[in-house]
Amino acid sequence: MANESESVPPSDWLPEPPARPASEPPARSASEPRAAGTPYVKLLVTYACVVVMGMALTWAFLSMRAVAGVGGSCGSGGAYEISTPCPDGSWLIALGIPLLLVSMFLGSGVGMSIGAPATLLPMWALLFTSLGWNFLEFGFADGVEVAFLVCGVVFWAMALPAWWAMFAALRSNLRAKLKLDPERRPTKAERKAARARVSMWAAGSLEGSLWWWLIYAVLLAGGALFGVATYAAAA
């Protein structure tokens, strides 16, 4: 008599696996990509870099003003007699410029990986605008200093393309969000209708680049205030 177990398929020997509850989600495959979450680390790095940029810009601005206030040149240390010692706190410019460049490159690289605008244009525009203002102001402080005035004009000319590029990008973004035709001037009614359907000001949304620029402005202002405080402490 033949063994009955020989006619039974091997799969029938094993117990059936327990049924999965209906509320339990299916198991994720090892090859299936995980959903991307909020990049908190990259956000914090980007924000920190913008704050450091504001602080470093302030150091450069105030240090340059201090040096310009004593004639534009000074010295400290060494074996020779110094006719014009450097003002207290002016040494921060030697730390501020490298720190500004490092924070700009790091903030741009990390920020662009999560869709944030690069910090190169804001840094370029603010740096040359602020330093150019110092040159122009001190060019008229005691008579007319032609060298200071020329430097001020050159610095502002260098800052102008960055301001124009940011303005053009902002204008293009606004028109795209408001769905306005760039070939003609929109009417008042069209502007009102566009503002009614715009969604870039949705609560908690960072999809519109205007949110990024507003956050950058707040962080730069905070960094500038911290820069003023630290410069005053160093001076």
Protein backbone atom coordinates (compact mmCIF):
# COMPACT_ATOMS: atom_id res chain seq x y z
CA MET A 1 0.00 0.00 0.00
CA ALA A 2 1.39 3.32 -1.06
CA ASN A 3 2.20 5.92 1.58
CA GLU A 4 -0.47 8.59 1.55
CA SER A 5 2.05 11.34 2.33
CA GLU A 6 3.70 10.74 -1.04
CA SER A 7 0.59 12.01 -2.82
CA VAL A 8 0.36 15.18 -0.75
CA PRO A 9 2.26 18.22 -2.18
CA PRO A 10 5.09 19.42 0.12
CA SER A 11 3.53 22.86 0.31
CA ASP A 12 0.51 21.41 2.06
CA TRP A 13 2.67 20.15 4.90
CA LEU A 14 3.45 23.70 6.10
CA PRO A 15 0.99 25.71 8.19
CA GLU A 16 -0.62 28.70 6.53
CA PRO A 17 0.82 32.11 7.57
CA PRO A 18 -1.41 34.22 9.80
CA ALA A 19 -3.72 36.62 8.02
CA ARG A 20 -2.57 40.28 7.94
CA PRO A 21 -4.98 42.69 9.65
CA ALA A 22 -6.82 44.93 7.24
CA SER A 23 -5.51 48.09 8.96
CA GLU A 24 -1.84 47.03 8.74
CA PRO A 25 -0.01 48.49 5.72
CA PRO A 26 1.76 46.07 3.36
CA ALA A 27 5.44 45.38 4.02
CA ARG A 28 7.89 47.64 2.14
CA SER A 29 10.23 45.95 -0.27
CA ALA A 30 13.94 46.41 0.32
CA SER A 31 14.32 47.79 -3.22
CA GLU A 32 11.40 50.22 -2.87
CA PRO A 33 12.56 53.83 -2.28
CA ARG A 34 11.46 55.49 0.92
CA ALA A 35 9.41 58.65 0.82
CA ALA A 36 11.54 61.74 1.28
CA GLY A 37 10.88 63.55 4.53
CA THR A 38 11.57 67.11 5.57
CA PRO A 39 15.35 67.75 5.31
CA TYR A 40 15.70 69.30 8.76
CA VAL A 41 19.49 69.05 8.85
CA LYS A 42 19.91 70.74 5.48
CA LEU A 43 17.41 73.43 6.46
CA LEU A 44 19.31 74.16 9.67
CA VAL A 45 22.65 74.28 7.84
CA THR A 46 21.25 76.66 5.24
CA TYR A 47 19.68 78.93 7.85
CA ALA A 48 22.85 78.93 9.96
CA CYS A 49 24.94 79.89 6.93
CA VAL A 50 22.64 82.83 6.17
CA VAL A 51 22.92 84.03 9.79
CA VAL A 52 26.71 83.78 9.64
CA MET A 53 26.65 85.70 6.36
CA GLY A 54 24.77 88.55 8.02
CA MET A 55 27.24 88.61 10.90
CA ALA A 56 30.30 88.52 8.61
CA LEU A 57 28.89 91.26 6.36
CA THR A 58 28.39 93.45 9.42
CA TRP A 59 31.93 92.82 10.59
CA ALA A 60 33.30 93.81 7.18
CA PHE A 61 31.11 96.91 7.01
CA LEU A 62 31.93 98.20 10.51
CA SER A 63 35.63 97.32 10.32
CA MET A 64 35.99 99.17 7.04
CA ARG A 65 34.25 102.22 8.48
CA ALA A 66 36.64 102.21 11.42
CA VAL A 67 39.69 102.07 9.13
CA ALA A 68 38.27 104.70 6.76
CA GLY A 69 37.66 106.95 9.75
CA VAL A 70 41.43 107.10 10.44
CA GLY A 71 42.34 107.85 6.85
CA GLY A 72 41.99 104.49 5.13
CA SER A 73 45.21 102.87 6.37
CA CYS A 74 46.51 101.78 9.76
CA GLY A 75 48.91 99.34 11.34
CA SER A 76 49.43 97.38 14.52
CA GLY A 77 52.25 95.31 15.96
CA GLY A 78 55.74 94.99 14.54
CA ALA A 79 59.08 96.49 15.51
CA TYR A 80 58.52 99.86 13.85
CA GLU A 81 56.77 102.92 15.22
CA ILE A 82 53.19 103.11 14.05
CA SER A 83 51.83 106.52 13.16
CA THR A 84 48.19 105.41 12.83
CA PRO A 85 47.20 102.44 14.99
CA CYS A 86 44.26 100.36 13.82
CA PRO A 87 40.98 100.96 15.69
CA ASP A 88 39.80 98.33 18.11
CA GLY A 89 37.65 95.72 16.41
CA SER A 90 38.95 96.46 12.91
CA TRP A 91 40.78 93.11 12.95
CA LEU A 92 37.41 91.41 12.52
CA ILE A 93 37.49 92.17 8.80
CA ALA A 94 40.31 89.63 8.44
CA LEU A 95 37.98 87.03 9.94
CA GLY A 96 34.75 88.29 8.41
CA ILE A 97 35.66 88.03 4.71
CA PRO A 98 36.82 84.37 4.79
CA LEU A 99 33.88 83.46 7.01
CA LEU A 100 31.55 85.21 4.58
CA LEU A 101 32.87 83.24 1.60
CA VAL A 102 32.77 79.89 3.41
CA SER A 103 29.20 80.42 4.63
CA MET A 104 28.12 81.59 1.18
CA PHE A 105 29.51 78.53 -0.63
CA LEU A 106 28.27 76.09 2.01
CA GLY A 107 24.83 77.71 2.21
CA SER A 108 24.48 77.75 -1.58
CA GLY A 109 25.52 74.12 -1.98
CA VAL A 110 23.31 72.75 0.78
CA GLY A 111 20.43 75.13 0.12
CA MET A 112 20.21 74.43 -3.61
CA SER A 113 19.98 70.70 -2.88
CA ILE A 114 16.62 71.34 -1.16
CA GLY A 115 15.35 73.97 -3.60
CA ALA A 116 16.49 77.11 -1.77
CA PRO A 117 17.98 80.01 -3.73
CA ALA A 118 21.77 80.30 -3.88
CA THR A 119 23.24 82.84 -1.47
CA LEU A 120 25.86 84.10 -3.95
CA LEU A 121 23.78 86.97 -5.35
CA PRO A 122 22.60 88.31 -1.96
CA MET A 123 26.15 88.15 -0.60
CA TRP A 124 27.62 89.87 -3.65
CA ALA A 125 24.98 92.61 -3.74
CA LEU A 126 25.06 93.37 0.00
CA LEU A 127 28.85 93.26 0.31
CA PHE A 128 29.67 95.65 -2.53
CA THR A 129 26.70 97.91 -1.82
CA SER A 130 27.64 98.34 1.85
CA LEU A 131 31.35 98.79 1.24
CA GLY A 132 30.65 101.13 -1.65
CA TRP A 133 28.48 103.23 0.65
CA ASN A 134 31.40 103.55 3.05
CA PHE A 135 33.67 104.76 0.26
CA LEU A 136 31.13 107.32 -0.95
CA GLU A 137 30.32 108.58 2.55
CA PHE A 138 33.94 109.06 3.56
CA GLY A 139 34.70 110.51 0.12
CA PHE A 140 32.77 113.61 1.20
CA ALA A 141 33.56 113.46 4.93
CA ASP A 142 36.53 115.84 4.88
CA GLY A 143 36.49 117.68 1.59
CA VAL A 144 36.49 115.49 -1.52
CA GLU A 145 38.54 112.30 -1.62
CA VAL A 146 38.62 111.32 -5.27
CA ALA A 147 40.11 107.90 -4.58
CA PHE A 148 37.31 107.03 -2.17
CA LEU A 149 34.67 108.26 -4.61
CA VAL A 150 36.09 106.24 -7.48
CA CYS A 151 36.16 103.10 -5.31
CA GLY A 152 32.59 103.75 -4.21
CA VAL A 153 31.34 104.07 -7.78
CA VAL A 154 33.23 100.94 -8.84
CA PHE A 155 31.84 98.94 -5.92
CA TRP A 156 28.27 100.00 -6.65
CA ALA A 157 28.76 99.18 -10.32
CA MET A 158 29.88 95.70 -9.27
CA ALA A 159 26.80 95.30 -7.03
CA LEU A 160 24.32 96.47 -9.67
CA PRO A 161 24.26 93.26 -11.79
CA ALA A 162 23.47 91.16 -8.70
CA TRP A 163 20.58 93.45 -7.71
CA TRP A 164 19.27 93.37 -11.29
CA ALA A 165 19.50 89.58 -11.50
CA MET A 166 17.58 89.18 -8.22
CA PHE A 167 14.96 91.71 -9.32
CA ALA A 168 14.49 89.96 -12.67
CA ALA A 169 14.18 86.55 -11.00
CA LEU A 170 11.68 87.91 -8.47
CA ARG A 171 9.63 89.57 -11.20
CA SER A 172 9.60 86.39 -13.28
CA ASN A 173 8.58 84.32 -10.28
CA LEU A 174 5.76 86.71 -9.41
CA ARG A 175 4.43 86.67 -12.96
CA ALA A 176 4.58 82.88 -13.07
CA LYS A 177 2.76 82.58 -9.74
CA LEU A 178 0.18 85.19 -10.63
CA LYS A 179 -0.16 83.79 -14.17
CA LEU A 180 0.31 87.20 -15.80
CA ASP A 181 1.21 87.63 -19.47
CA PRO A 182 4.68 89.25 -19.65
CA GLU A 183 4.00 90.59 -23.16
CA ARG A 184 1.43 93.14 -22.06
CA ARG A 185 0.59 95.21 -19.02
CA PRO A 186 -2.15 93.51 -16.99
CA THR A 187 -5.28 95.43 -16.12
CA LYS A 188 -6.37 96.17 -12.57
CA ALA A 189 -9.10 93.53 -12.77
CA GLU A 190 -6.64 90.92 -14.01
CA ARG A 191 -4.25 91.68 -11.17
CA LYS A 192 -7.05 91.34 -8.63
CA ALA A 193 -8.17 88.02 -10.10
CA ALA A 194 -4.59 86.73 -10.17
CA ARG A 195 -4.03 87.60 -6.51
CA ALA A 196 -7.23 85.77 -5.62
CA ARG A 197 -6.02 82.52 -7.13
CA VAL A 198 -2.38 82.73 -6.13
CA SER A 199 -1.25 79.97 -3.77
CA MET A 200 2.35 80.85 -2.93
CA TRP A 201 1.32 82.40 0.42
CA ALA A 202 -0.26 79.16 1.65
CA ALA A 203 0.47 78.57 5.32
CA GLY A 204 3.60 76.52 5.87
CA SER A 205 4.42 76.32 2.17
CA LEU A 206 7.98 76.84 0.95
CA GLU A 207 7.19 76.17 -2.70
CA GLY A 208 7.22 79.85 -3.65
CA SER A 209 10.71 81.32 -3.73
CA LEU A 210 9.36 84.48 -2.09
CA TRP A 211 9.16 82.55 1.15
CA TRP A 212 12.84 81.72 0.88
CA TRP A 213 13.78 85.34 0.26
CA LEU A 214 11.68 86.50 3.22
CA ILE A 215 13.34 83.91 5.46
CA TYR A 216 16.75 84.96 4.15
CA ALA A 217 15.98 88.61 4.92
CA VAL A 218 14.95 87.83 8.50
CA LEU A 219 17.99 85.62 9.10
CA LEU A 220 20.37 88.17 7.59
CA ALA A 221 18.91 90.86 9.83
CA GLY A 222 19.35 88.63 12.87
CA GLY A 223 22.93 87.88 11.89
CA ALA A 224 23.59 91.60 11.38
CA LEU A 225 22.31 92.40 14.88
CA PHE A 226 24.55 89.70 16.33
CA GLY A 227 27.43 91.09 14.29
CA VAL A 228 26.89 94.57 15.72
CA ALA A 229 26.86 93.17 19.27
CA THR A 230 30.02 91.12 18.78
CA TYR A 231 31.82 94.00 17.08
CA ALA A 232 30.92 96.31 19.93
CA ALA A 233 32.26 93.74 22.39
CA ALA A 234 35.50 93.42 20.43
CA ALA A 235 35.90 97.19 20.17
